[in-house]
Amino acid sequence: MEALDAFDRRLLHAMQRSPRQTLTELAERVNLSPSQCSRRIARLEASGIIQGYALRLAPEALGLMVTAFITVSVEKARLGSPRETIAALLACDEVIDCHSTTGSHDFILKVKVADLAELSHFLSSVVSPIPGIRDVSTQVALECFKEAGPLKVKS
């Protein structure tokens, strides 16, 4: 990764906080010209520091009322790669995040579903039947206080 200067950092910080601002507004906020901002943004995109742009939807508007965190342990002795075991899960629309973790479980999945019945069905018909899964544990989120916040951009 390339080194970021102070302007790059201010630019990234401002873009995360208000992604729909115009180039002129962004330039004023970071004290650069619009053309300098545009060049920097193109460079940050090309280098992979800016990985893309996304639309965030309200899960409730889509009927996705339940967020659950599912921890999964796999039987490493039986498998070539634990990642192959969960590959089927990664293709499921219910799974919105997946992380390999340290500790007693190998992976933690974040899922969003309509209700507890759908969560139960997902666990019993999708997760549990996967060969090589040793243990599954689920925690249901009661309330979300912060989700997908901006990354800290050190100055």
C-alpha atoms as a PDB file:
ATOM      1  CA  MET A   1       0.000   0.000   0.000  1.00  0.00           C
ATOM      2  CA  GLU A   2       1.187   3.453  -0.760  1.00  0.00           C
ATOM      3  CA  ALA A   3       1.844   6.019   1.951  1.00  0.00           C
ATOM      4  CA  LEU A   4      -0.936   8.481   2.651  1.00  0.00           C
ATOM      5  CA  ASP A   5      -0.174  12.143   3.204  1.00  0.00           C
ATOM      6  CA  ALA A   6      -2.226  14.524   5.359  1.00  0.00           C
ATOM      7  CA  PHE A   7      -4.435  15.575   2.416  1.00  0.00           C
ATOM      8  CA  ASP A   8      -5.181  11.943   1.523  1.00  0.00           C
ATOM      9  CA  ARG A   9      -6.158  11.258   5.122  1.00  0.00           C
ATOM     10  CA  ARG A  10      -8.402  14.321   5.341  1.00  0.00           C
ATOM     11  CA  LEU A  11      -9.959  13.376   2.028  1.00  0.00           C
ATOM     12  CA  LEU A  12     -10.675   9.798   3.140  1.00  0.00           C
ATOM     13  CA  HIS A  13     -12.067  10.995   6.459  1.00  0.00           C
ATOM     14  CA  ALA A  14     -14.376  13.515   4.771  1.00  0.00           C
ATOM     15  CA  MET A  15     -15.528  11.007   2.125  1.00  0.00           C
ATOM     16  CA  GLN A  16     -16.455   8.422   4.772  1.00  0.00           C
ATOM     17  CA  ARG A  17     -18.385  10.953   6.846  1.00  0.00           C
ATOM     18  CA  SER A  18     -20.344  12.368   3.928  1.00  0.00           C
ATOM     19  CA  PRO A  19     -20.010  10.198   0.805  1.00  0.00           C
ATOM     20  CA  ARG A  20     -22.618  12.026  -1.291  1.00  0.00           C
ATOM     21  CA  GLN A  21     -21.067  15.472  -1.114  1.00  0.00           C
ATOM     22  CA  THR A  22     -20.084  17.121  -4.369  1.00  0.00           C
ATOM     23  CA  LEU A  23     -16.478  17.313  -5.451  1.00  0.00           C
ATOM     24  CA  THR A  24     -16.583  21.079  -4.843  1.00  0.00           C
ATOM     25  CA  GLU A  25     -17.868  20.591  -1.289  1.00  0.00           C
ATOM     26  CA  LEU A  26     -15.251  17.940  -0.648  1.00  0.00           C
ATOM     27  CA  ALA A  27     -12.473  20.166  -2.014  1.00  0.00           C
ATOM     28  CA  GLU A  28     -13.537  23.004   0.281  1.00  0.00           C
ATOM     29  CA  ARG A  29     -13.663  20.669   3.258  1.00  0.00           C
ATOM     30  CA  VAL A  30     -10.099  19.387   2.735  1.00  0.00           C
ATOM     31  CA  ASN A  31      -8.649  22.650   1.427  1.00  0.00           C
ATOM     32  CA  LEU A  32      -7.717  21.446  -2.070  1.00  0.00           C
ATOM     33  CA  SER A  33      -8.928  22.351  -5.555  1.00  0.00           C
ATOM     34  CA  PRO A  34     -11.618  20.137  -7.112  1.00  0.00           C
ATOM     35  CA  SER A  35      -9.110  18.933  -9.748  1.00  0.00           C
ATOM     36  CA  GLN A  36      -6.564  17.973  -7.065  1.00  0.00           C
ATOM     37  CA  CYS A  37      -9.306  16.116  -5.166  1.00  0.00           C
ATOM     38  CA  SER A  38     -10.372  14.312  -8.309  1.00  0.00           C
ATOM     39  CA  ARG A  39      -6.801  13.178  -9.079  1.00  0.00           C
ATOM     40  CA  ARG A  40      -6.251  12.025  -5.502  1.00  0.00           C
ATOM     41  CA  ILE A  41      -9.536  10.098  -5.451  1.00  0.00           C
ATOM     42  CA  ALA A  42      -8.646   8.395  -8.757  1.00  0.00           C
ATOM     43  CA  ARG A  43      -5.213   7.453  -7.352  1.00  0.00           C
ATOM     44  CA  LEU A  44      -6.736   6.140  -4.109  1.00  0.00           C
ATOM     45  CA  GLU A  45      -9.218   4.059  -6.112  1.00  0.00           C
ATOM     46  CA  ALA A  46      -6.534   2.709  -8.460  1.00  0.00           C
ATOM     47  CA  SER A  47      -4.288   1.743  -5.541  1.00  0.00           C
ATOM     48  CA  GLY A  48      -7.120  -0.128  -3.802  1.00  0.00           C
ATOM     49  CA  ILE A  49      -7.245   2.116  -0.731  1.00  0.00           C
ATOM     50  CA  ILE A  50     -10.748   3.134  -1.780  1.00  0.00           C
ATOM     51  CA  GLN A  51     -12.252  -0.287  -2.402  1.00  0.00           C
ATOM     52  CA  GLY A  52     -15.577   0.812  -3.783  1.00  0.00           C
ATOM     53  CA  TYR A  53     -18.805   2.583  -3.055  1.00  0.00           C
ATOM     54  CA  ALA A  54     -21.871   0.965  -1.530  1.00  0.00           C
ATOM     55  CA  LEU A  55     -25.496   1.673  -0.906  1.00  0.00           C
ATOM     56  CA  ARG A  56     -26.626   0.970   2.663  1.00  0.00           C
ATOM     57  CA  LEU A  57     -30.219  -0.133   3.069  1.00  0.00           C
ATOM     58  CA  ALA A  58     -32.405  -0.162   6.165  1.00  0.00           C
ATOM     59  CA  PRO A  59     -32.745  -3.881   7.010  1.00  0.00           C
ATOM     60  CA  GLU A  60     -36.113  -3.249   8.663  1.00  0.00           C
ATOM     61  CA  ALA A  61     -37.496  -1.833   5.399  1.00  0.00           C
ATOM     62  CA  LEU A  62     -36.658  -5.184   3.806  1.00  0.00           C
ATOM     63  CA  GLY A  63     -38.247  -7.152   6.624  1.00  0.00           C
ATOM     64  CA  LEU A  64     -34.892  -8.225   8.080  1.00  0.00           C
ATOM     65  CA  MET A  65     -35.649  -7.765  11.761  1.00  0.00           C
ATOM     66  CA  VAL A  66     -33.176 -10.190  13.358  1.00  0.00           C
ATOM     67  CA  THR A  67     -29.393  -9.894  13.453  1.00  0.00           C
ATOM     68  CA  ALA A  68     -27.500 -12.912  14.730  1.00  0.00           C
ATOM     69  CA  PHE A  69     -23.857 -13.774  15.220  1.00  0.00           C
ATOM     70  CA  ILE A  70     -23.080 -17.413  14.519  1.00  0.00           C
ATOM     71  CA  THR A  71     -19.772 -18.876  15.623  1.00  0.00           C
ATOM     72  CA  VAL A  72     -18.630 -21.975  13.755  1.00  0.00           C
ATOM     73  CA  SER A  73     -15.916 -24.490  14.597  1.00  0.00           C
ATOM     74  CA  VAL A  74     -14.736 -26.958  11.987  1.00  0.00           C
ATOM     75  CA  GLU A  75     -12.999 -30.326  12.265  1.00  0.00           C
ATOM     76  CA  LYS A  76      -9.600 -29.426  10.877  1.00  0.00           C
ATOM     77  CA  ALA A  77      -8.299 -33.014  10.984  1.00  0.00           C
ATOM     78  CA  ARG A  78     -10.958 -34.118   8.463  1.00  0.00           C
ATOM     79  CA  LEU A  79     -10.569 -31.198   6.116  1.00  0.00           C
ATOM     80  CA  GLY A  80      -8.103 -29.838   3.631  1.00  0.00           C
ATOM     81  CA  SER A  81      -9.126 -26.255   4.362  1.00  0.00           C
ATOM     82  CA  PRO A  82     -11.633 -24.884   6.875  1.00  0.00           C
ATOM     83  CA  ARG A  83     -12.449 -22.141   4.364  1.00  0.00           C
ATOM     84  CA  GLU A  84     -13.724 -24.756   1.925  1.00  0.00           C
ATOM     85  CA  THR A  85     -16.141 -25.916   4.615  1.00  0.00           C
ATOM     86  CA  ILE A  86     -17.809 -22.556   4.937  1.00  0.00           C
ATOM     87  CA  ALA A  87     -17.664 -21.622   1.245  1.00  0.00           C
ATOM     88  CA  ALA A  88     -21.337 -22.581   0.871  1.00  0.00           C
ATOM     89  CA  LEU A  89     -22.240 -20.220   3.701  1.00  0.00           C
ATOM     90  CA  LEU A  90     -20.450 -17.325   2.064  1.00  0.00           C
ATOM     91  CA  ALA A  91     -22.769 -17.651  -0.932  1.00  0.00           C
ATOM     92  CA  CYS A  92     -25.886 -17.258   1.258  1.00  0.00           C
ATOM     93  CA  ASP A  93     -27.579 -13.852   1.156  1.00  0.00           C
ATOM     94  CA  GLU A  94     -28.318 -14.147   4.879  1.00  0.00           C
ATOM     95  CA  VAL A  95     -24.586 -13.988   5.662  1.00  0.00           C
ATOM     96  CA  ILE A  96     -23.474 -10.363   5.503  1.00  0.00           C
ATOM     97  CA  ASP A  97     -20.073 -10.710   7.229  1.00  0.00           C
ATOM     98  CA  CYS A  98     -17.695 -13.586   7.880  1.00  0.00           C
ATOM     99  CA  HIS A  99     -14.441 -13.479   9.817  1.00  0.00           C
ATOM    100  CA  SER A 100     -11.836 -16.085  10.680  1.00  0.00           C
ATOM    101  CA  THR A 101     -11.191 -15.784  14.412  1.00  0.00           C
ATOM    102  CA  THR A 102      -8.855 -16.845  17.173  1.00  0.00           C
ATOM    103  CA  GLY A 103     -10.071 -18.702  20.220  1.00  0.00           C
ATOM    104  CA  SER A 104     -12.517 -21.548  20.570  1.00  0.00           C
ATOM    105  CA  HIS A 105     -14.279 -20.990  17.224  1.00  0.00           C
ATOM    106  CA  ASP A 106     -12.875 -20.734  13.729  1.00  0.00           C
ATOM    107  CA  PHE A 107     -15.361 -18.329  12.136  1.00  0.00           C
ATOM    108  CA  ILE A 108     -17.962 -15.786  13.135  1.00  0.00           C
ATOM    109  CA  LEU A 109     -20.794 -15.009  10.763  1.00  0.00           C
ATOM    110  CA  LYS A 110     -23.122 -12.052  10.954  1.00  0.00           C
ATOM    111  CA  VAL A 111     -26.526 -12.857   9.497  1.00  0.00           C
ATOM    112  CA  LYS A 112     -29.721 -10.878   8.975  1.00  0.00           C
ATOM    113  CA  VAL A 113     -33.045 -12.672   8.691  1.00  0.00           C
ATOM    114  CA  ALA A 114     -36.729 -11.833   8.989  1.00  0.00           C
ATOM    115  CA  ASP A 115     -37.466 -13.567  12.288  1.00  0.00           C
ATOM    116  CA  LEU A 116     -36.394 -16.287  14.704  1.00  0.00           C
ATOM    117  CA  ALA A 117     -38.177 -18.959  12.681  1.00  0.00           C
ATOM    118  CA  GLU A 118     -36.108 -18.038   9.630  1.00  0.00           C
ATOM    119  CA  LEU A 119     -32.947 -18.061  11.762  1.00  0.00           C
ATOM    120  CA  SER A 120     -33.830 -21.511  13.069  1.00  0.00           C
ATOM    121  CA  HIS A 121     -34.459 -22.755   9.528  1.00  0.00           C
ATOM    122  CA  PHE A 122     -31.155 -21.271   8.335  1.00  0.00           C
ATOM    123  CA  LEU A 123     -29.258 -22.961  11.150  1.00  0.00           C
ATOM    124  CA  SER A 124     -30.924 -26.354  10.754  1.00  0.00           C
ATOM    125  CA  SER A 125     -31.108 -26.569   6.968  1.00  0.00           C
ATOM    126  CA  VAL A 126     -28.052 -24.619   5.825  1.00  0.00           C
ATOM    127  CA  VAL A 127     -25.412 -24.436   8.572  1.00  0.00           C
ATOM    128  CA  SER A 128     -25.727 -27.705  10.485  1.00  0.00           C
ATOM    129  CA  PRO A 129     -25.750 -30.061   7.460  1.00  0.00           C
ATOM    130  CA  ILE A 130     -22.387 -28.800   6.177  1.00  0.00           C
ATOM    131  CA  PRO A 131     -19.860 -31.647   6.474  1.00  0.00           C
ATOM    132  CA  GLY A 132     -16.958 -30.929   8.801  1.00  0.00           C
ATOM    133  CA  ILE A 133     -18.757 -28.522  11.097  1.00  0.00           C
ATOM    134  CA  ARG A 134     -17.977 -29.498  14.682  1.00  0.00           C
ATOM    135  CA  ASP A 135     -19.792 -26.818  16.690  1.00  0.00           C
ATOM    136  CA  VAL A 136     -22.215 -23.952  16.071  1.00  0.00           C
ATOM    137  CA  SER A 137     -23.210 -21.288  18.561  1.00  0.00           C
ATOM    138  CA  THR A 138     -25.610 -18.404  17.996  1.00  0.00           C
ATOM    139  CA  GLN A 139     -26.173 -15.084  19.702  1.00  0.00           C
ATOM    140  CA  VAL A 140     -29.095 -12.866  18.684  1.00  0.00           C
ATOM    141  CA  ALA A 141     -28.525  -9.115  18.830  1.00  0.00           C
ATOM    142  CA  LEU A 142     -31.124  -7.273  20.888  1.00  0.00           C
ATOM    143  CA  GLU A 143     -30.265  -3.796  19.678  1.00  0.00           C
ATOM    144  CA  CYS A 144     -27.672  -2.164  17.420  1.00  0.00           C
ATOM    145  CA  PHE A 145     -26.013   1.029  18.588  1.00  0.00           C
ATOM    146  CA  LYS A 146     -23.498   1.435  15.759  1.00  0.00           C
ATOM    147  CA  GLU A 147     -23.086  -0.452  12.511  1.00  0.00           C
ATOM    148  CA  ALA A 148     -20.643  -0.066   9.639  1.00  0.00           C
ATOM    149  CA  GLY A 149     -19.122   3.067  11.077  1.00  0.00           C
ATOM    150  CA  PRO A 150     -16.347   4.899   9.288  1.00  0.00           C
ATOM    151  CA  LEU A 151     -12.783   3.677   9.754  1.00  0.00           C
ATOM    152  CA  LYS A 152     -10.425   5.729  11.860  1.00  0.00           C
ATOM    153  CA  VAL A 153      -8.102   7.687   9.593  1.00  0.00           C
ATOM    154  CA  LYS A 154      -5.047   8.673  11.610  1.00  0.00           C
ATOM    155  CA  SER A 155      -3.670  12.096  10.839  1.00  0.00           C
END
